[in-house]
Amino acid sequence: MTSHDFLADRFQGHRPHLKTVAYRMLGSRIAALDILSGPDRLAQLDLTRLEP
């Protein structure tokens, strides 16, 4: 297991609580789900293609 996998698993474990907090802050379930999908989108990026 890589450190990325470890962190992703921890994030997934906290997702229900984070969704509740985001909903309370934003007042919208759709917005809360959108915010929590950000890390999933970042994980799918191919960082090897980025130039320094």
Protein backbone atom coordinates (compact mmCIF):
# COMPACT_ATOMS: atom_id res chain seq x y z
CA MET A 1 0.00 0.00 0.00
CA THR A 2 1.39 3.38 -0.99
CA SER A 3 1.08 6.49 1.14
CA HIS A 4 -1.44 7.79 -1.41
CA ASP A 5 -3.59 4.68 -0.93
CA PHE A 6 -3.33 5.03 2.84
CA LEU A 7 -4.47 8.65 2.74
CA ALA A 8 -7.28 7.84 0.29
CA ASP A 9 -8.54 5.10 2.63
CA ARG A 10 -8.48 7.48 5.59
CA PHE A 11 -10.37 10.10 3.60
CA GLN A 12 -13.00 7.55 2.62
CA GLY A 13 -13.37 6.57 6.28
CA HIS A 14 -14.11 10.18 7.21
CA ARG A 15 -16.32 10.94 4.19
CA PRO A 16 -19.69 10.60 6.02
CA HIS A 17 -18.62 13.07 8.72
CA LEU A 18 -17.10 15.45 6.16
CA LYS A 19 -20.32 15.33 4.13
CA THR A 20 -22.33 16.30 7.22
CA VAL A 21 -19.99 19.19 8.02
CA ALA A 22 -20.00 20.41 4.40
CA TYR A 23 -23.80 20.25 4.31
CA ARG A 24 -24.08 22.30 7.49
CA MET A 25 -21.64 24.89 6.15
CA LEU A 26 -23.07 25.13 2.63
CA GLY A 27 -26.75 24.39 3.25
CA SER A 28 -27.01 22.18 0.17
CA ARG A 29 -26.51 18.43 -0.21
CA ILE A 30 -25.53 18.87 -3.86
CA ALA A 31 -22.84 21.43 -2.95
CA ALA A 32 -21.56 19.19 -0.15
CA LEU A 33 -21.24 16.22 -2.50
CA ASP A 34 -19.55 18.40 -5.09
CA ILE A 35 -16.96 19.58 -2.57
CA LEU A 36 -16.21 16.02 -1.51
CA SER A 37 -15.74 14.86 -5.09
CA GLY A 38 -12.78 17.23 -5.51
CA PRO A 39 -10.19 14.90 -3.94
CA ASP A 40 -11.45 12.03 -6.11
CA ARG A 41 -10.91 14.15 -9.22
CA LEU A 42 -7.43 15.16 -8.06
CA ALA A 43 -6.50 11.52 -7.47
CA GLN A 44 -7.28 10.74 -11.11
CA LEU A 45 -4.85 13.34 -12.48
CA ASP A 46 -1.69 12.06 -14.14
CA LEU A 47 0.87 14.12 -12.26
CA THR A 48 3.74 12.63 -14.26
CA ARG A 49 2.68 14.77 -17.24
CA LEU A 50 3.09 18.08 -15.37
CA GLU A 51 6.10 20.17 -16.19
CA PRO A 52 8.15 21.66 -13.32
